[in-house]
Amino acid sequence: MSTVAFRVLVGGAVLSGLWAVKVTHDRHQLKQVLAQLQQEHARVTQELNEAQETIHVQSEDLHVLRQDLAALQATLAEREGEVARLEQERTGLTRQLASVQQDNAALEAKLASLKELKAAIRLVKQKIRRERWEAWLARVRQQQQEDGQRLAGGNRGYVVRQGFSTLGARVSAGTRLQVRVLEPEVP
């Protein structure tokens, strides 16, 4: 073998030794990088799981908050309706108060004037007299109607004693009972 071949062979053996060292070194670095990547993968997986749990909890919280929001909106609508109703009542009461104040002012103006007071007293007295007169007339008319009904349904002057008519009969020794009957008046 020649020196060149020997040199090539030795050079090849050195190169293959160097290559083996390099491959071993690269393999060692790859194992370290792989270990780091696996640790990074485990960390990212853990963070992902934590994020998913957080998202799940927050979605449940969001669902509860949406339900609360719907309930609050319904309550708000009810309260707005009550406020509107109370506003209408307040407006009505304000109108009534204004009317009562106007009536009060009118009454105070009437009472302030002595002539108006006397006129008011006169009107009240006339009203009382008129009511008494109408009540008396109603009683008189009622009595007239009752008298007319009694007269129309009566026995027209027959006097009855002990269940027998006294008309045409002798009551006692030669005296005769006479009853004078008037025709009914038309009311």
N, C-alpha and C. Protein backbone atom coordinates (compact mmCIF):
# COMPACT_ATOMS: atom_id res chain seq x y z
N MET A 1 0.83 -1.14 0.00
CA MET A 1 0.00 0.00 0.00
C MET A 1 0.89 1.22 0.00
N SER A 2 0.42 2.00 -0.69
CA SER A 2 1.28 3.16 -0.87
C SER A 2 0.96 4.20 0.17
N THR A 3 1.76 5.15 0.23
CA THR A 3 1.60 6.18 1.23
C THR A 3 0.35 7.00 0.95
N VAL A 4 0.06 7.13 -0.27
CA VAL A 4 -1.13 7.93 -0.61
C VAL A 4 -2.36 7.16 -0.17
N ALA A 5 -2.30 5.90 -0.46
CA ALA A 5 -3.46 5.13 -0.09
C ALA A 5 -3.54 5.05 1.42
N PHE A 6 -2.37 4.98 2.03
CA PHE A 6 -2.39 4.94 3.46
C PHE A 6 -2.91 6.26 4.00
N ARG A 7 -2.47 7.28 3.42
CA ARG A 7 -2.92 8.59 3.88
C ARG A 7 -4.41 8.72 3.65
N VAL A 8 -4.93 8.25 2.60
CA VAL A 8 -6.37 8.33 2.30
C VAL A 8 -7.09 7.45 3.30
N LEU A 9 -6.51 6.34 3.58
CA LEU A 9 -7.17 5.45 4.50
C LEU A 9 -7.14 6.04 5.90
N VAL A 10 -6.04 6.58 6.30
CA VAL A 10 -5.95 7.20 7.62
C VAL A 10 -6.83 8.43 7.62
N GLY A 11 -6.77 9.19 6.54
CA GLY A 11 -7.61 10.39 6.46
C GLY A 11 -9.07 10.01 6.53
N GLY A 12 -9.42 8.89 5.86
CA GLY A 12 -10.82 8.44 5.89
C GLY A 12 -11.19 7.98 7.28
N ALA A 13 -10.24 7.31 7.97
CA ALA A 13 -10.54 6.83 9.32
C ALA A 13 -10.69 8.01 10.25
N VAL A 14 -9.85 9.04 10.07
CA VAL A 14 -9.94 10.23 10.93
C VAL A 14 -11.25 10.93 10.63
N LEU A 15 -11.57 11.02 9.35
CA LEU A 15 -12.83 11.69 8.98
C LEU A 15 -14.01 10.91 9.52
N SER A 16 -13.93 9.60 9.42
CA SER A 16 -15.06 8.85 9.93
C SER A 16 -15.10 8.94 11.44
N GLY A 17 -13.98 9.05 12.11
CA GLY A 17 -13.96 9.22 13.56
C GLY A 17 -14.52 10.58 13.92
N LEU A 18 -14.06 11.58 13.14
CA LEU A 18 -14.60 12.91 13.38
C LEU A 18 -16.11 12.94 13.10
N TRP A 19 -16.44 12.24 12.05
CA TRP A 19 -17.85 12.20 11.68
C TRP A 19 -18.64 11.51 12.78
N ALA A 20 -18.11 10.47 13.36
CA ALA A 20 -18.78 9.74 14.43
C ALA A 20 -18.90 10.62 15.66
N VAL A 21 -17.85 11.41 15.95
CA VAL A 21 -17.89 12.31 17.09
C VAL A 21 -18.95 13.37 16.84
N LYS A 22 -18.95 13.89 15.62
CA LYS A 22 -19.91 14.93 15.25
C LYS A 22 -21.32 14.40 15.35
N VAL A 23 -21.56 13.20 14.85
CA VAL A 23 -22.90 12.61 14.88
C VAL A 23 -23.31 12.39 16.33
N THR A 24 -22.38 11.92 17.15
CA THR A 24 -22.69 11.68 18.56
C THR A 24 -23.00 13.01 19.24
N HIS A 25 -22.20 14.00 18.92
CA HIS A 25 -22.43 15.32 19.49
C HIS A 25 -23.79 15.87 19.02
N ASP A 26 -24.08 15.73 17.74
CA ASP A 26 -25.37 16.20 17.20
C ASP A 26 -26.53 15.41 17.81
N ARG A 27 -26.32 14.12 18.00
CA ARG A 27 -27.36 13.29 18.59
C ARG A 27 -27.63 13.76 20.03
N HIS A 28 -26.56 14.07 20.76
CA HIS A 28 -26.67 14.55 22.13
C HIS A 28 -27.42 15.90 22.15
N GLN A 29 -27.09 16.78 21.23
CA GLN A 29 -27.78 18.07 21.15
C GLN A 29 -29.24 17.88 20.76
N LEU A 30 -29.49 16.95 19.86
CA LEU A 30 -30.88 16.69 19.45
C LEU A 30 -31.69 16.16 20.63
N LYS A 31 -31.06 15.29 21.44
CA LYS A 31 -31.76 14.77 22.61
C LYS A 31 -32.08 15.91 23.58
N GLN A 32 -31.14 16.84 23.74
CA GLN A 32 -31.38 17.97 24.62
C GLN A 32 -32.51 18.86 24.08
N VAL A 33 -32.45 19.12 22.77
CA VAL A 33 -33.49 19.94 22.14
C VAL A 33 -34.83 19.23 22.24
N LEU A 34 -34.82 17.90 22.02
CA LEU A 34 -36.06 17.12 22.12
C LEU A 34 -36.61 17.19 23.54
N ALA A 35 -35.75 17.08 24.55
CA ALA A 35 -36.18 17.16 25.95
C ALA A 35 -36.77 18.54 26.22
N GLN A 36 -36.11 19.58 25.69
CA GLN A 36 -36.62 20.95 25.88
C GLN A 36 -37.98 21.10 25.19
N LEU A 37 -38.10 20.56 23.99
CA LEU A 37 -39.37 20.64 23.25
C LEU A 37 -40.48 19.89 23.99
N GLN A 38 -40.12 18.73 24.56
CA GLN A 38 -41.13 17.98 25.31
C GLN A 38 -41.56 18.75 26.56
N GLN A 39 -40.59 19.39 27.24
CA GLN A 39 -40.93 20.22 28.40
C GLN A 39 -41.81 21.40 27.97
N GLU A 40 -41.44 22.03 26.87
CA GLU A 40 -42.23 23.15 26.34
C GLU A 40 -43.63 22.68 25.95
N HIS A 41 -43.71 21.50 25.34
CA HIS A 41 -45.01 20.94 24.95
C HIS A 41 -45.86 20.69 26.19
N ALA A 42 -45.27 20.12 27.26
CA ALA A 42 -46.01 19.86 28.49
C ALA A 42 -46.49 21.17 29.11
N ARG A 43 -45.61 22.19 29.12
CA ARG A 43 -45.99 23.49 29.67
C ARG A 43 -47.13 24.12 28.87
N VAL A 44 -47.02 24.10 27.54
CA VAL A 44 -48.06 24.68 26.68
C VAL A 44 -49.37 23.91 26.84
N THR A 45 -49.29 22.58 26.95
CA THR A 45 -50.49 21.76 27.15
C THR A 45 -51.15 22.12 28.47
N GLN A 46 -50.34 22.30 29.52
CA GLN A 46 -50.88 22.69 30.82
C GLN A 46 -51.54 24.06 30.75
N GLU A 47 -50.89 25.00 30.11
CA GLU A 47 -51.47 26.34 29.95
C GLU A 47 -52.75 26.28 29.13
N LEU A 48 -52.77 25.43 28.10
CA LEU A 48 -53.98 25.28 27.27
C LEU A 48 -55.12 24.73 28.11
N ASN A 49 -54.81 23.71 28.95
CA ASN A 49 -55.85 23.14 29.81
C ASN A 49 -56.37 24.20 30.79
N GLU A 50 -55.45 24.97 31.38
CA GLU A 50 -55.86 26.03 32.29
C GLU A 50 -56.71 27.08 31.57
N ALA A 51 -56.32 27.43 30.35
CA ALA A 51 -57.08 28.41 29.56
C ALA A 51 -58.46 27.86 29.23
N GLN A 52 -58.54 26.57 28.90
CA GLN A 52 -59.84 25.96 28.59
C GLN A 52 -60.74 25.96 29.83
N GLU A 53 -60.15 25.64 31.00
CA GLU A 53 -60.93 25.68 32.23
C GLU A 53 -61.41 27.11 32.51
N THR A 54 -60.53 28.08 32.33
CA THR A 54 -60.91 29.48 32.53
C THR A 54 -62.02 29.88 31.57
N ILE A 55 -61.89 29.48 30.31
CA ILE A 55 -62.93 29.79 29.32
C ILE A 55 -64.24 29.13 29.71
N HIS A 56 -64.18 27.88 30.18
CA HIS A 56 -65.39 27.17 30.58
C HIS A 56 -66.06 27.89 31.75
N VAL A 57 -65.25 28.27 32.77
CA VAL A 57 -65.81 28.99 33.93
C VAL A 57 -66.38 30.33 33.49
N GLN A 58 -65.66 31.03 32.63
CA GLN A 58 -66.14 32.33 32.18
C GLN A 58 -67.39 32.20 31.32
N SER A 59 -67.49 31.13 30.54
CA SER A 59 -68.71 30.95 29.73
C SER A 59 -69.90 30.67 30.64
N GLU A 60 -69.66 29.89 31.72
CA GLU A 60 -70.75 29.67 32.68
C GLU A 60 -71.12 30.99 33.36
N ASP A 61 -70.09 31.76 33.74
CA ASP A 61 -70.37 33.07 34.35
C ASP A 61 -71.12 33.97 33.37
N LEU A 62 -70.73 33.92 32.11
CA LEU A 62 -71.39 34.73 31.09
C LEU A 62 -72.84 34.31 30.94
N HIS A 63 -73.11 33.00 30.99
CA HIS A 63 -74.48 32.51 30.89
C HIS A 63 -75.31 33.02 32.08
N VAL A 64 -74.73 32.94 33.28
CA VAL A 64 -75.42 33.43 34.48
C VAL A 64 -75.66 34.94 34.37
N LEU A 65 -74.64 35.66 33.88
CA LEU A 65 -74.79 37.11 33.73
C LEU A 65 -75.85 37.46 32.71
N ARG A 66 -75.96 36.68 31.64
CA ARG A 66 -77.00 36.93 30.64
C ARG A 66 -78.38 36.71 31.24
N GLN A 67 -78.52 35.66 32.06
CA GLN A 67 -79.81 35.42 32.72
C GLN A 67 -80.13 36.57 33.67
N ASP A 68 -79.12 37.00 34.43
CA ASP A 68 -79.32 38.14 35.33
C ASP A 68 -79.72 39.40 34.55
N LEU A 69 -79.06 39.59 33.40
CA LEU A 69 -79.37 40.76 32.57
C LEU A 69 -80.82 40.70 32.08
N ALA A 70 -81.26 39.52 31.65
CA ALA A 70 -82.65 39.38 31.18
C ALA A 70 -83.62 39.66 32.32
N ALA A 71 -83.32 39.14 33.51
CA ALA A 71 -84.20 39.39 34.66
C ALA A 71 -84.22 40.88 35.01
N LEU A 72 -83.06 41.51 34.97
CA LEU A 72 -83.00 42.94 35.27
C LEU A 72 -83.72 43.78 34.22
N GLN A 73 -83.64 43.35 32.96
CA GLN A 73 -84.36 44.09 31.91
C GLN A 73 -85.87 43.96 32.10
N ALA A 74 -86.32 42.76 32.50
CA ALA A 74 -87.75 42.59 32.76
C ALA A 74 -88.18 43.46 33.95
N THR A 75 -87.36 43.47 35.00
CA THR A 75 -87.67 44.30 36.17
C THR A 75 -87.67 45.78 35.78
N LEU A 76 -86.71 46.16 34.96
CA LEU A 76 -86.64 47.55 34.50
C LEU A 76 -87.90 47.92 33.72
N ALA A 77 -88.37 47.02 32.86
CA ALA A 77 -89.59 47.29 32.08
C ALA A 77 -90.79 47.46 33.03
N GLU A 78 -90.87 46.59 34.06
CA GLU A 78 -91.96 46.72 35.03
C GLU A 78 -91.89 48.06 35.75
N ARG A 79 -90.70 48.42 36.18
CA ARG A 79 -90.52 49.67 36.90
C ARG A 79 -90.86 50.87 36.01
N GLU A 80 -90.49 50.78 34.74
CA GLU A 80 -90.82 51.88 33.81
C GLU A 80 -92.33 51.99 33.67
N GLY A 81 -93.02 50.84 33.61
CA GLY A 81 -94.48 50.87 33.55
C GLY A 81 -95.08 51.49 34.79
N GLU A 82 -94.53 51.13 35.96
CA GLU A 82 -95.02 51.70 37.21
C GLU A 82 -94.76 53.20 37.25
N VAL A 83 -93.60 53.61 36.78
CA VAL A 83 -93.27 55.04 36.76
C VAL A 83 -94.25 55.78 35.85
N ALA A 84 -94.55 55.20 34.68
CA ALA A 84 -95.49 55.84 33.76
C ALA A 84 -96.87 55.96 34.40
N ARG A 85 -97.30 54.87 35.08
CA ARG A 85 -98.61 54.90 35.74
C ARG A 85 -98.63 55.95 36.85
N LEU A 86 -97.55 56.00 37.62
CA LEU A 86 -97.48 56.99 38.70
C LEU A 86 -97.44 58.41 38.14
N GLU A 87 -96.80 58.59 37.00
CA GLU A 87 -96.79 59.91 36.35
C GLU A 87 -98.20 60.32 35.96
N GLN A 88 -98.97 59.36 35.41
CA GLN A 88 -100.34 59.66 35.03
C GLN A 88 -101.18 60.01 36.27
N GLU A 89 -100.97 59.23 37.35
CA GLU A 89 -101.71 59.52 38.57
C GLU A 89 -101.32 60.90 39.11
N ARG A 90 -100.02 61.21 39.06
CA ARG A 90 -99.56 62.51 39.54
C ARG A 90 -100.18 63.63 38.72
N THR A 91 -100.24 63.43 37.40
CA THR A 91 -100.85 64.45 36.53
C THR A 91 -102.32 64.63 36.88
N GLY A 92 -103.03 63.50 37.08
CA GLY A 92 -104.44 63.59 37.46
C GLY A 92 -104.63 64.27 38.79
N LEU A 93 -103.79 63.92 39.75
CA LEU A 93 -103.89 64.55 41.07
C LEU A 93 -103.56 66.04 41.02
N THR A 94 -102.62 66.39 40.14
CA THR A 94 -102.28 67.81 39.98
C THR A 94 -103.47 68.57 39.42
N ARG A 95 -104.15 67.96 38.45
CA ARG A 95 -105.35 68.60 37.89
C ARG A 95 -106.43 68.74 38.96
N GLN A 96 -106.64 67.67 39.73
CA GLN A 96 -107.65 67.73 40.79
C GLN A 96 -107.30 68.80 41.81
N LEU A 97 -106.03 68.87 42.17
CA LEU A 97 -105.60 69.88 43.14
C LEU A 97 -105.85 71.28 42.60
N ALA A 98 -105.55 71.49 41.31
CA ALA A 98 -105.79 72.81 40.71
C ALA A 98 -107.29 73.14 40.73
N SER A 99 -108.12 72.14 40.42
CA SER A 99 -109.56 72.35 40.44
C SER A 99 -110.06 72.68 41.84
N VAL A 100 -109.56 71.94 42.83
CA VAL A 100 -109.97 72.19 44.21
C VAL A 100 -109.50 73.58 44.65
N GLN A 101 -108.31 73.96 44.25
CA GLN A 101 -107.82 75.29 44.61
C GLN A 101 -108.66 76.39 43.98
N GLN A 102 -109.10 76.16 42.73
CA GLN A 102 -109.97 77.14 42.08
C GLN A 102 -111.31 77.23 42.81
N ASP A 103 -111.87 76.07 43.16
CA ASP A 103 -113.13 76.07 43.90
C ASP A 103 -112.96 76.77 45.25
N ASN A 104 -111.85 76.50 45.91
CA ASN A 104 -111.58 77.12 47.20
C ASN A 104 -111.47 78.64 47.05
N ALA A 105 -110.77 79.07 46.01
CA ALA A 105 -110.64 80.51 45.77
C ALA A 105 -112.00 81.13 45.50
N ALA A 106 -112.85 80.43 44.72
CA ALA A 106 -114.18 80.95 44.44
C ALA A 106 -115.01 81.05 45.72
N LEU A 107 -114.92 80.01 46.57
CA LEU A 107 -115.66 80.03 47.82
C LEU A 107 -115.16 81.15 48.74
N GLU A 108 -113.86 81.33 48.80
CA GLU A 108 -113.31 82.40 49.62
C GLU A 108 -113.75 83.76 49.10
N ALA A 109 -113.83 83.90 47.77
CA ALA A 109 -114.30 85.17 47.20
C ALA A 109 -115.75 85.41 47.56
N LYS A 110 -116.57 84.35 47.52
CA LYS A 110 -117.97 84.51 47.88
C LYS A 110 -118.12 84.85 49.36
N LEU A 111 -117.38 84.16 50.18
CA LEU A 111 -117.49 84.41 51.62
C LEU A 111 -116.91 85.76 52.01
N ALA A 112 -116.03 86.28 51.20
CA ALA A 112 -115.43 87.58 51.49
C ALA A 112 -116.45 88.70 51.34
N SER A 113 -117.38 88.52 50.49
CA SER A 113 -118.35 89.58 50.25
C SER A 113 -119.60 89.30 51.08
N LEU A 114 -120.03 90.26 51.89
CA LEU A 114 -121.19 90.11 52.75
C LEU A 114 -122.47 89.99 51.93
N LYS A 115 -122.57 90.73 50.84
CA LYS A 115 -123.76 90.66 50.00
C LYS A 115 -123.90 89.27 49.38
N GLU A 116 -122.78 88.74 48.92
CA GLU A 116 -122.82 87.40 48.33
C GLU A 116 -123.18 86.36 49.38
N LEU A 117 -122.71 86.55 50.61
CA LEU A 117 -123.03 85.63 51.68
C LEU A 117 -124.53 85.66 51.98
N LYS A 118 -125.10 86.88 52.05
CA LYS A 118 -126.54 87.00 52.30
C LYS A 118 -127.34 86.37 51.17
N ALA A 119 -126.89 86.59 49.94
CA ALA A 119 -127.59 85.98 48.80
C ALA A 119 -127.50 84.46 48.87
N ALA A 120 -126.37 83.94 49.28
CA ALA A 120 -126.21 82.50 49.39
C ALA A 120 -127.13 81.94 50.48
N ILE A 121 -127.25 82.67 51.59
CA ILE A 121 -128.13 82.23 52.67
C ILE A 121 -129.58 82.24 52.19
N ARG A 122 -129.97 83.30 51.45
CA ARG A 122 -131.32 83.38 50.91
C ARG A 122 -131.61 82.20 49.98
N LEU A 123 -130.65 81.85 49.13
CA LEU A 123 -130.84 80.73 48.21
C LEU A 123 -131.00 79.41 48.97
N VAL A 124 -130.22 79.23 50.02
CA VAL A 124 -130.34 78.00 50.81
C VAL A 124 -131.70 77.93 51.49
N LYS A 125 -132.17 79.05 52.04
CA LYS A 125 -133.48 79.06 52.69
C LYS A 125 -134.58 78.75 51.69
N GLN A 126 -134.50 79.34 50.49
CA GLN A 126 -135.50 79.07 49.45
C GLN A 126 -135.49 77.59 49.07
N LYS A 127 -134.30 77.04 48.98
CA LYS A 127 -134.18 75.62 48.62
C LYS A 127 -134.81 74.75 49.71
N ILE A 128 -134.58 75.09 50.97
CA ILE A 128 -135.16 74.32 52.08
C ILE A 128 -136.68 74.42 52.05
N ARG A 129 -137.21 75.65 51.84
CA ARG A 129 -138.67 75.83 51.76
C ARG A 129 -139.26 75.03 50.60
N ARG A 130 -138.59 75.10 49.45
CA ARG A 130 -139.09 74.38 48.29
C ARG A 130 -139.11 72.86 48.55
N GLU A 131 -138.06 72.35 49.19
CA GLU A 131 -138.01 70.91 49.49
C GLU A 131 -139.13 70.53 50.48
N ARG A 132 -139.37 71.37 51.49
CA ARG A 132 -140.45 71.10 52.45
C ARG A 132 -141.81 71.13 51.75
N TRP A 133 -142.03 72.12 50.88
CA TRP A 133 -143.29 72.24 50.14
C TRP A 133 -143.52 71.01 49.27
N GLU A 134 -142.46 70.57 48.56
CA GLU A 134 -142.58 69.39 47.70
C GLU A 134 -142.86 68.14 48.53
N ALA A 135 -142.25 68.03 49.70
CA ALA A 135 -142.50 66.88 50.56
C ALA A 135 -143.95 66.91 51.06
N TRP A 136 -144.47 68.11 51.44
CA TRP A 136 -145.85 68.22 51.91
C TRP A 136 -146.82 67.86 50.79
N LEU A 137 -146.53 68.39 49.56
CA LEU A 137 -147.40 68.05 48.42
C LEU A 137 -147.39 66.55 48.14
N ALA A 138 -146.25 65.93 48.26
CA ALA A 138 -146.17 64.48 48.02
C ALA A 138 -146.99 63.73 49.06
N ARG A 139 -146.94 64.17 50.34
CA ARG A 139 -147.75 63.51 51.37
C ARG A 139 -149.25 63.70 51.12
N VAL A 140 -149.65 64.92 50.70
CA VAL A 140 -151.06 65.19 50.41
C VAL A 140 -151.53 64.32 49.26
N ARG A 141 -150.72 64.26 48.19
CA ARG A 141 -151.12 63.43 47.03
C ARG A 141 -151.22 61.95 47.42
N GLN A 142 -150.30 61.50 48.25
CA GLN A 142 -150.33 60.11 48.70
C GLN A 142 -151.59 59.85 49.52
N GLN A 143 -151.93 60.79 50.40
CA GLN A 143 -153.14 60.62 51.23
C GLN A 143 -154.39 60.63 50.35
N GLN A 144 -154.41 61.50 49.32
CA GLN A 144 -155.56 61.54 48.42
C GLN A 144 -155.70 60.21 47.67
N GLN A 145 -154.59 59.67 47.24
CA GLN A 145 -154.66 58.38 46.54
C GLN A 145 -155.16 57.28 47.46
N GLU A 146 -154.67 57.26 48.69
CA GLU A 146 -155.13 56.25 49.64
C GLU A 146 -156.62 56.42 49.95
N ASP A 147 -157.08 57.68 50.11
CA ASP A 147 -158.51 57.93 50.37
C ASP A 147 -159.34 57.48 49.18
N GLY A 148 -158.85 57.77 47.96
CA GLY A 148 -159.58 57.35 46.77
C GLY A 148 -159.67 55.83 46.68
N GLN A 149 -158.61 55.14 47.02
CA GLN A 149 -158.63 53.67 46.98
C GLN A 149 -159.58 53.12 48.04
N ARG A 150 -159.58 53.71 49.23
CA ARG A 150 -160.49 53.25 50.29
C ARG A 150 -161.95 53.50 49.90
N LEU A 151 -162.18 54.67 49.31
CA LEU A 151 -163.54 55.02 48.91
C LEU A 151 -164.02 54.09 47.79
N ALA A 152 -163.13 53.79 46.84
CA ALA A 152 -163.52 52.92 45.73
C ALA A 152 -163.75 51.50 46.20
N GLY A 153 -163.05 51.07 47.22
CA GLY A 153 -163.20 49.69 47.67
C GLY A 153 -164.09 49.56 48.90
N GLY A 154 -164.69 50.63 49.37
CA GLY A 154 -165.47 50.58 50.61
C GLY A 154 -166.87 50.00 50.39
N ASN A 155 -167.74 50.04 51.44
CA ASN A 155 -169.10 49.47 51.34
C ASN A 155 -170.15 50.51 50.99
N ARG A 156 -169.74 51.69 50.60
CA ARG A 156 -170.58 52.76 50.09
C ARG A 156 -171.65 53.18 51.10
N GLY A 157 -171.31 53.15 52.35
CA GLY A 157 -172.22 53.69 53.36
C GLY A 157 -172.99 52.66 54.15
N TYR A 158 -172.88 51.40 53.87
CA TYR A 158 -173.58 50.39 54.66
C TYR A 158 -172.92 50.27 56.01
N VAL A 159 -173.67 50.34 57.01
CA VAL A 159 -173.14 50.16 58.35
C VAL A 159 -173.44 48.74 58.74
N VAL A 160 -172.46 48.05 59.24
CA VAL A 160 -172.62 46.64 59.61
C VAL A 160 -172.41 46.53 61.10
N ARG A 161 -173.42 45.88 61.77
CA ARG A 161 -173.30 45.60 63.20
C ARG A 161 -173.54 44.13 63.42
N GLN A 162 -172.65 43.56 64.13
CA GLN A 162 -172.73 42.15 64.47
C GLN A 162 -172.95 41.28 63.26
N GLY A 163 -172.29 41.68 62.14
CA GLY A 163 -172.34 40.87 60.94
C GLY A 163 -173.55 41.10 60.07
N PHE A 164 -174.50 41.99 60.45
CA PHE A 164 -175.70 42.25 59.66
C PHE A 164 -175.76 43.70 59.26
N SER A 165 -176.32 43.94 58.07
CA SER A 165 -176.45 45.30 57.58
C SER A 165 -177.55 46.00 58.36
N THR A 166 -177.32 47.28 58.64
CA THR A 166 -178.32 48.06 59.38
C THR A 166 -179.19 48.86 58.44
N LEU A 167 -178.96 48.75 57.15
CA LEU A 167 -179.72 49.50 56.18
C LEU A 167 -181.12 48.88 56.08
N GLY A 168 -182.14 49.69 56.37
CA GLY A 168 -183.51 49.23 56.26
C GLY A 168 -183.98 48.46 57.48
N ALA A 169 -183.14 48.24 58.44
CA ALA A 169 -183.54 47.50 59.64
C ALA A 169 -183.75 48.49 60.79
N ARG A 170 -184.55 48.10 61.68
CA ARG A 170 -184.81 48.94 62.82
C ARG A 170 -183.76 48.61 63.87
N VAL A 171 -183.16 49.67 64.32
CA VAL A 171 -182.09 49.45 65.29
C VAL A 171 -182.69 49.37 66.68
N SER A 172 -183.46 50.31 67.02
CA SER A 172 -184.10 50.23 68.34
C SER A 172 -185.52 50.77 68.20
N ALA A 173 -186.22 50.92 69.19
CA ALA A 173 -187.66 51.16 69.23
C ALA A 173 -188.08 52.27 68.29
N GLY A 174 -188.24 51.93 67.10
CA GLY A 174 -188.82 52.84 66.14
C GLY A 174 -187.84 53.81 65.52
N THR A 175 -186.58 53.80 65.86
CA THR A 175 -185.64 54.72 65.21
C THR A 175 -184.91 53.97 64.11
N ARG A 176 -184.62 54.70 63.18
CA ARG A 176 -183.94 54.11 62.04
C ARG A 176 -182.60 54.81 61.83
N LEU A 177 -181.52 54.03 61.54
CA LEU A 177 -180.20 54.59 61.33
C LEU A 177 -180.10 55.03 59.88
N GLN A 178 -179.74 56.29 59.69
CA GLN A 178 -179.60 56.80 58.33
C GLN A 178 -178.14 57.17 58.09
N VAL A 179 -177.68 56.74 56.95
CA VAL A 179 -176.30 57.04 56.57
C VAL A 179 -176.36 57.73 55.22
N ARG A 180 -175.68 58.86 55.15
CA ARG A 180 -175.66 59.59 53.92
C ARG A 180 -174.34 59.29 53.19
N VAL A 181 -174.40 58.89 51.97
CA VAL A 181 -173.22 58.49 51.20
C VAL A 181 -172.98 59.52 50.10
N LEU A 182 -171.74 60.01 50.06
CA LEU A 182 -171.36 60.96 49.02
C LEU A 182 -170.66 60.20 47.89
N GLU A 183 -170.84 60.73 46.71
CA GLU A 183 -170.15 60.13 45.58
C GLU A 183 -168.65 60.43 45.68
N PRO A 184 -167.83 59.50 45.22
CA PRO A 184 -166.38 59.72 45.32
C PRO A 184 -165.94 60.87 44.43
N GLU A 185 -164.96 61.60 44.97
CA GLU A 185 -164.40 62.71 44.20
C GLU A 185 -163.28 62.16 43.33
N VAL A 186 -163.19 62.74 42.16
CA VAL A 186 -162.13 62.32 41.24
C VAL A 186 -160.89 63.17 41.58
N PRO A 187 -159.79 62.56 41.84
CA PRO A 187 -158.61 63.34 42.22
C PRO A 187 -158.01 64.07 41.05
